C-alpha atoms as a PDB file:
ATOM      1  CA  MET A   1      67.729   2.637  95.046  1.00  0.00           C
ATOM      2  CA  THR A   2      65.298   5.452  93.279  1.00  0.00           C
ATOM      3  CA  THR A   3      67.761   8.222  94.120  1.00  0.00           C
ATOM      4  CA  THR A   4      70.606   7.136  92.347  1.00  0.00           C
ATOM      5  CA  ALA A   5      68.391   5.595  89.618  1.00  0.00           C
ATOM      6  CA  THR A   6      67.042   8.493  88.451  1.00  0.00           C
ATOM      7  CA  LYS A   7      70.541  10.837  88.709  1.00  0.00           C
ATOM      8  CA  PRO A   8      72.195   9.768  86.101  1.00  0.00           C
ATOM      9  CA  ARG A   9      69.673  10.115  84.039  1.00  0.00           C
ATOM     10  CA  GLY A  10      69.304  13.934  85.376  1.00  0.00           C
ATOM     11  CA  GLU A  11      73.166  14.292  84.630  1.00  0.00           C
ATOM     12  CA  TYR A  12      72.773  12.888  81.169  1.00  0.00           C
ATOM     13  CA  ALA A  13      70.016  15.095  80.222  1.00  0.00           C
ATOM     14  CA  LYS A  14      72.488  17.965  81.172  1.00  0.00           C
ATOM     15  CA  THR A  15      75.407  16.378  79.359  1.00  0.00           C
ATOM     16  CA  ALA A  16      73.189  15.562  76.284  1.00  0.00           C
ATOM     17  CA  LYS A  17      72.343  19.476  76.297  1.00  0.00           C
ATOM     18  CA  ARG A  18      75.533  20.947  76.671  1.00  0.00           C
ATOM     19  CA  ARG A  19      76.822  18.579  73.796  1.00  0.00           C
ATOM     20  CA  ASP A  20      73.856  20.177  71.566  1.00  0.00           C
ATOM     21  CA  ASP A  21      74.742  23.528  73.248  1.00  0.00           C
ATOM     22  CA  ILE A  22      78.433  22.828  71.813  1.00  0.00           C
ATOM     23  CA  VAL A  23      77.427  21.428  68.212  1.00  0.00           C
ATOM     24  CA  THR A  24      75.081  24.530  67.810  1.00  0.00           C
ATOM     25  CA  ALA A  25      77.826  26.931  68.724  1.00  0.00           C
ATOM     26  CA  ALA A  26      80.711  24.577  66.151  1.00  0.00           C
ATOM     27  CA  LEU A  27      78.118  25.073  63.173  1.00  0.00           C
ATOM     28  CA  SER A  28      77.903  28.925  63.479  1.00  0.00           C
ATOM     29  CA  VAL A  29      81.984  29.250  63.344  1.00  0.00           C
ATOM     30  CA  PHE A  30      82.412  27.054  60.792  1.00  0.00           C
ATOM     31  CA  SER A  31      79.726  28.434  58.851  1.00  0.00           C
ATOM     32  CA  THR A  32      81.278  31.875  58.795  1.00  0.00           C
ATOM     33  CA  ALA A  33      85.000  31.106  59.097  1.00  0.00           C
ATOM     34  CA  GLY A  34      85.088  27.252  57.460  1.00  0.00           C
ATOM     35  CA  PHE A  35      87.023  24.664  59.487  1.00  0.00           C
ATOM     36  CA  VAL A  36      90.586  25.577  58.691  1.00  0.00           C
ATOM     37  CA  SER A  37      89.980  29.048  60.449  1.00  0.00           C
ATOM     38  CA  ALA A  38      87.766  27.943  63.280  1.00  0.00           C
ATOM     39  CA  SER A  39      89.291  28.111  66.729  1.00  0.00           C
ATOM     40  CA  MET A  40      88.125  25.981  69.612  1.00  0.00           C
ATOM     41  CA  SER A  41      88.361  29.063  71.984  1.00  0.00           C
ATOM     42  CA  GLU A  42      85.792  30.786  69.433  1.00  0.00           C
ATOM     43  CA  ILE A  43      83.574  27.516  69.773  1.00  0.00           C
ATOM     44  CA  ALA A  44      84.091  27.676  73.578  1.00  0.00           C
ATOM     45  CA  LYS A  45      83.293  31.330  73.921  1.00  0.00           C
ATOM     46  CA  ARG A  46      79.946  30.918  72.560  1.00  0.00           C
ATOM     47  CA  ALA A  47      78.939  27.795  74.119  1.00  0.00           C
ATOM     48  CA  GLY A  48      79.448  29.471  77.205  1.00  0.00           C
ATOM     49  CA  LEU A  49      82.438  27.431  78.135  1.00  0.00           C
ATOM     50  CA  THR A  50      86.278  27.321  78.520  1.00  0.00           C
ATOM     51  CA  LEU A  51      88.468  26.001  76.287  1.00  0.00           C
ATOM     52  CA  PRO A  52      88.850  23.325  79.066  1.00  0.00           C
ATOM     53  CA  GLY A  53      85.432  22.652  79.845  1.00  0.00           C
ATOM     54  CA  LEU A  54      84.879  21.991  75.967  1.00  0.00           C
ATOM     55  CA  ARG A  55      87.865  19.826  75.497  1.00  0.00           C
ATOM     56  CA  HIS A  56      85.562  17.204  78.030  1.00  0.00           C
ATOM     57  CA  HIS A  57      83.085  16.827  75.672  1.00  0.00           C
ATOM     58  CA  PHE A  58      85.072  17.151  72.635  1.00  0.00           C
ATOM     59  CA  ALA A  59      89.334  16.779  72.687  1.00  0.00           C
ATOM     60  CA  SER A  60      90.060  18.113  69.110  1.00  0.00           C
ATOM     61  CA  LYS A  61      88.383  20.303  67.018  1.00  0.00           C
ATOM     62  CA  PHE A  62      88.268  17.089  64.303  1.00  0.00           C
ATOM     63  CA  ASP A  63      86.242  15.217  66.781  1.00  0.00           C
ATOM     64  CA  LEU A  64      83.743  18.232  67.185  1.00  0.00           C
ATOM     65  CA  LEU A  65      83.431  18.331  62.953  1.00  0.00           C
ATOM     66  CA  GLN A  66      82.578  14.466  62.525  1.00  0.00           C
ATOM     67  CA  GLU A  67      79.826  15.095  65.342  1.00  0.00           C
ATOM     68  CA  VAL A  68      78.429  18.246  62.855  1.00  0.00           C
ATOM     69  CA  LEU A  69      78.378  15.921  60.235  1.00  0.00           C
ATOM     70  CA  PHE A  70      77.379  12.894  61.595  1.00  0.00           C
ATOM     71  CA  ARG A  71      74.439  15.139  62.566  1.00  0.00           C
ATOM     72  CA  ARG A  72      73.684  16.288  58.961  1.00  0.00           C
ATOM     73  CA  ASP A  73      73.924  12.681  57.763  1.00  0.00           C
ATOM     74  CA  LEU A  74      71.345  11.052  60.252  1.00  0.00           C
ATOM     75  CA  ASP A  75      68.991  13.950  58.946  1.00  0.00           C
ATOM     76  CA  ALA A  76      69.636  12.916  55.775  1.00  0.00           C
ATOM     77  CA  ASN A  77      69.006   9.456  56.122  1.00  0.00           C
ATOM     78  CA  LYS A  78      65.512  10.108  57.483  1.00  0.00           C
ATOM     79  CA  HIS A  79      64.586  11.483  54.660  1.00  0.00           C
ATOM     80  CA  LEU A  80      66.159   8.794  52.442  1.00  0.00           C
ATOM     81  CA  GLU A  81      66.086   4.956  54.539  1.00  0.00           C
ATOM     82  CA  GLY A  82      63.977   2.286  53.097  1.00  0.00           C
ATOM     83  CA  ARG A  83      63.251   4.364  50.201  1.00  0.00           C
ATOM     84  CA  GLU A  84      63.621   3.081  46.266  1.00  0.00           C
ATOM     85  CA  GLY A  85      62.985   4.480  42.742  1.00  0.00           C
ATOM     86  CA  ILE A  86      60.987   7.284  42.305  1.00  0.00           C
ATOM     87  CA  ASP A  87      60.363   7.191  46.167  1.00  0.00           C
ATOM     88  CA  LEU A  88      63.928   7.701  46.797  1.00  0.00           C
ATOM     89  CA  LEU A  89      63.912  10.852  44.089  1.00  0.00           C
ATOM     90  CA  ARG A  90      60.875  12.067  45.626  1.00  0.00           C
ATOM     91  CA  GLY A  91      63.709  12.074  49.078  1.00  0.00           C
ATOM     92  CA  LEU A  92      65.764  14.254  47.307  1.00  0.00           C
ATOM     93  CA  VAL A  93      63.340  17.008  46.587  1.00  0.00           C
ATOM     94  CA  GLU A  94      62.696  16.713  50.521  1.00  0.00           C
ATOM     95  CA  ILE A  95      66.454  17.152  51.222  1.00  0.00           C
ATOM     96  CA  ALA A  96      66.567  19.695  48.736  1.00  0.00           C
ATOM     97  CA  SER A  97      63.350  21.418  50.670  1.00  0.00           C
ATOM     98  CA  ARG A  98      65.103  21.109  53.821  1.00  0.00           C
ATOM     99  CA  ASP A  99      68.673  22.836  52.704  1.00  0.00           C
ATOM    100  CA  GLN A 100      66.454  25.876  51.564  1.00  0.00           C
ATOM    101  CA  GLY A 101      67.625  28.461  54.652  1.00  0.00           C
ATOM    102  CA  ASP A 102      69.564  25.751  56.484  1.00  0.00           C
ATOM    103  CA  SER A 103      72.372  27.153  58.307  1.00  0.00           C
ATOM    104  CA  LEU A 104      74.455  23.419  57.770  1.00  0.00           C
ATOM    105  CA  THR A 105      74.266  24.445  54.080  1.00  0.00           C
ATOM    106  CA  GLN A 106      76.349  27.194  54.396  1.00  0.00           C
ATOM    107  CA  MET A 107      78.935  25.143  56.449  1.00  0.00           C
ATOM    108  CA  PHE A 108      78.655  22.292  54.562  1.00  0.00           C
ATOM    109  CA  ALA A 109      79.129  24.532  51.117  1.00  0.00           C
ATOM    110  CA  MET A 110      81.999  25.854  52.946  1.00  0.00           C
ATOM    111  CA  LEU A 111      83.691  22.434  53.908  1.00  0.00           C
ATOM    112  CA  ALA A 112      83.189  20.930  50.422  1.00  0.00           C
ATOM    113  CA  ALA A 113      85.596  23.688  49.034  1.00  0.00           C
ATOM    114  CA  GLU A 114      88.102  23.282  51.480  1.00  0.00           C
ATOM    115  CA  ALA A 115      88.179  19.714  51.568  1.00  0.00           C
ATOM    116  CA  THR A 116      89.274  19.116  47.983  1.00  0.00           C
ATOM    117  CA  ASP A 117      92.387  19.960  49.547  1.00  0.00           C
ATOM    118  CA  ILE A 118      93.767  16.350  49.795  1.00  0.00           C
ATOM    119  CA  GLU A 119      95.241  17.190  53.689  1.00  0.00           C
ATOM    120  CA  HIS A 120      92.173  18.530  54.479  1.00  0.00           C
ATOM    121  CA  PRO A 121      90.745  16.542  57.737  1.00  0.00           C
ATOM    122  CA  ALA A 122      86.903  16.349  56.175  1.00  0.00           C
ATOM    123  CA  HIS A 123      88.838  15.218  52.655  1.00  0.00           C
ATOM    124  CA  ASP A 124      87.663  11.584  53.090  1.00  0.00           C
ATOM    125  CA  TYR A 125      84.339  12.113  54.712  1.00  0.00           C
ATOM    126  CA  PHE A 126      83.523  14.084  51.479  1.00  0.00           C
ATOM    127  CA  GLN A 127      85.108  12.226  48.764  1.00  0.00           C
ATOM    128  CA  GLY A 128      82.896   9.061  49.952  1.00  0.00           C
ATOM    129  CA  ARG A 129      80.244  11.257  50.757  1.00  0.00           C
ATOM    130  CA  TYR A 130      79.925  12.419  46.804  1.00  0.00           C
ATOM    131  CA  ASP A 131      80.701   8.225  45.758  1.00  0.00           C
ATOM    132  CA  LEU A 132      77.483   7.974  48.534  1.00  0.00           C
ATOM    133  CA  ILE A 133      75.126  10.305  46.813  1.00  0.00           C
ATOM    134  CA  VAL A 134      76.127   9.554  43.049  1.00  0.00           C
ATOM    135  CA  GLY A 135      75.710   5.634  43.646  1.00  0.00           C
ATOM    136  CA  THR A 136      72.261   5.887  45.766  1.00  0.00           C
ATOM    137  CA  VAL A 137      70.718   8.241  42.825  1.00  0.00           C
ATOM    138  CA  GLN A 138      71.883   6.311  40.558  1.00  0.00           C
ATOM    139  CA  ARG A 139      70.520   3.358  42.176  1.00  0.00           C
ATOM    140  CA  ALA A 140      67.257   4.707  42.223  1.00  0.00           C
ATOM    141  CA  LEU A 141      67.330   5.914  38.647  1.00  0.00           C
ATOM    142  CA  THR A 142      68.191   2.622  37.369  1.00  0.00           C
ATOM    143  CA  GLU A 143      65.109   0.848  39.715  1.00  0.00           C
ATOM    144  CA  ALA A 144      62.953   3.837  37.963  1.00  0.00           C
ATOM    145  CA  ALA A 145      63.613   2.686  34.273  1.00  0.00           C
ATOM    146  CA  ALA A 146      63.146  -0.543  35.564  1.00  0.00           C
ATOM    147  CA  GLU A 147      59.847  -0.035  36.157  1.00  0.00           C
ATOM    148  CA  GLY A 148      59.621   1.892  33.721  1.00  0.00           C
ATOM    149  CA  THR A 149      59.365   5.291  34.827  1.00  0.00           C
ATOM    150  CA  LEU A 150      62.482   6.652  33.582  1.00  0.00           C
ATOM    151  CA  ARG A 151      62.702   7.761  30.200  1.00  0.00           C
ATOM    152  CA  GLU A 152      64.549   5.583  27.146  1.00  0.00           C
ATOM    153  CA  GLY A 153      67.538   7.246  26.460  1.00  0.00           C
ATOM    154  CA  HIS A 154      68.844   8.254  29.633  1.00  0.00           C
ATOM    155  CA  ASP A 155      71.831   7.051  31.624  1.00  0.00           C
ATOM    156  CA  PRO A 156      71.692   6.783  35.325  1.00  0.00           C
ATOM    157  CA  ASP A 157      75.371   7.897  36.124  1.00  0.00           C
ATOM    158  CA  ARG A 158      75.639  10.551  34.021  1.00  0.00           C
ATOM    159  CA  LEU A 159      72.104  11.874  35.055  1.00  0.00           C
ATOM    160  CA  ALA A 160      73.314  11.230  38.843  1.00  0.00           C
ATOM    161  CA  ARG A 161      76.335  13.334  38.201  1.00  0.00           C
ATOM    162  CA  ALA A 162      74.009  15.881  36.479  1.00  0.00           C
ATOM    163  CA  TYR A 163      71.628  15.930  39.826  1.00  0.00           C
ATOM    164  CA  VAL A 164      74.747  16.121  42.247  1.00  0.00           C
ATOM    165  CA  ALA A 165      76.136  19.235  39.885  1.00  0.00           C
ATOM    166  CA  LEU A 166      72.802  21.239  40.235  1.00  0.00           C
ATOM    167  CA  SER A 167      72.262  20.167  43.901  1.00  0.00           C
ATOM    168  CA  ASP A 168      75.335  21.985  44.821  1.00  0.00           C
ATOM    169  CA  GLY A 169      75.231  24.583  42.734  1.00  0.00           C
ATOM    170  CA  LEU A 170      71.817  25.517  43.857  1.00  0.00           C
ATOM    171  CA  GLN A 171      73.033  25.411  47.302  1.00  0.00           C
ATOM    172  CA  LEU A 172      76.365  27.658  46.556  1.00  0.00           C
ATOM    173  CA  GLN A 173      73.660  30.815  44.724  1.00  0.00           C
ATOM    174  CA  ALA A 174      71.079  30.458  47.692  1.00  0.00           C
ATOM    175  CA  LEU A 175      73.974  31.586  49.502  1.00  0.00           C
ATOM    176  CA  TYR A 176      73.906  34.631  47.841  1.00  0.00           C
ATOM    177  CA  ARG A 177      70.359  34.863  47.686  1.00  0.00           C
ATOM    178  CA  PRO A 178      68.641  32.906  49.615  1.00  0.00           C
ATOM    179  CA  ALA A 179      64.855  33.570  48.958  1.00  0.00           C
ATOM    180  CA  ALA A 180      65.530  33.833  45.340  1.00  0.00           C
ATOM    181  CA  PHE A 181      64.310  30.973  43.689  1.00  0.00           C
ATOM    182  CA  SER A 182      62.914  26.924  45.653  1.00  0.00           C
ATOM    183  CA  GLN A 183      65.211  24.659  45.256  1.00  0.00           C
ATOM    184  CA  ALA A 184      63.037  21.953  45.673  1.00  0.00           C
ATOM    185  CA  GLU A 185      61.257  22.755  42.906  1.00  0.00           C
ATOM    186  CA  LEU A 186      64.157  23.273  40.682  1.00  0.00           C
ATOM    187  CA  ILE A 187      65.261  19.660  41.844  1.00  0.00           C
ATOM    188  CA  LYS A 188      61.894  18.334  41.444  1.00  0.00           C
ATOM    189  CA  GLU A 189      61.593  19.913  37.988  1.00  0.00           C
ATOM    190  CA  PHE A 190      64.930  18.414  36.713  1.00  0.00           C
ATOM    191  CA  LEU A 191      64.377  15.063  37.421  1.00  0.00           C
ATOM    192  CA  GLU A 192      60.842  15.040  36.061  1.00  0.00           C
ATOM    193  CA  GLU A 193      61.963  16.020  32.656  1.00  0.00           C
ATOM    194  CA  PHE A 194      63.821  12.210  32.626  1.00  0.00           C
ATOM    195  CA  LEU A 195      60.412  10.761  34.309  1.00  0.00           C
ATOM    196  CA  THR A 196      57.166   9.817  33.322  1.00  0.00           C
ATOM    197  CA  VAL A 197      55.293  10.225  36.403  1.00  0.00           C
ATOM    198  CA  PRO A 198      55.463  13.113  38.468  1.00  0.00           C
ATOM    199  CA  LEU A 199      57.488  14.088  41.384  1.00  0.00           C
END
């Protein structure tokens, strides 16, 4: 009983490690080639696998993309879960700090541009992601207004869309000049222009 109880855990650990290696390789390929031009063969090569070996873990490039996006969202949720109003806005600054120099940021910038094509497999994901981000920031600003910490005369919806435009624009600029500025500081300064308390 002891032997059979420990063996699956060991096999599971090996499988989880292998999947992590594949996702890391996919991130590298997606970040340089984008999704459309990326090949499963190249991802398999970078992960130290044969193509059939890769397909044992991820049947298609789209399955692999979904896992990459899921892991990115999971990390973002850690910064925002259970937070409201001003506290949620502080979480946005934390995410901006995470994005600085993060290899995933380059991949997201490339995929977001590619996915404007309605036929792109990640089109619905990015459309939903933008709706979610705008809605989440709008809700936080509305809560800040109710708390009296949003300056009067500012529309939460317009500010939320301005935040998303600034955040995406800064990520794109940082790809050209990675250490030229702090995304977190600029996001913080932007939000504080409309708040009565510091972040």
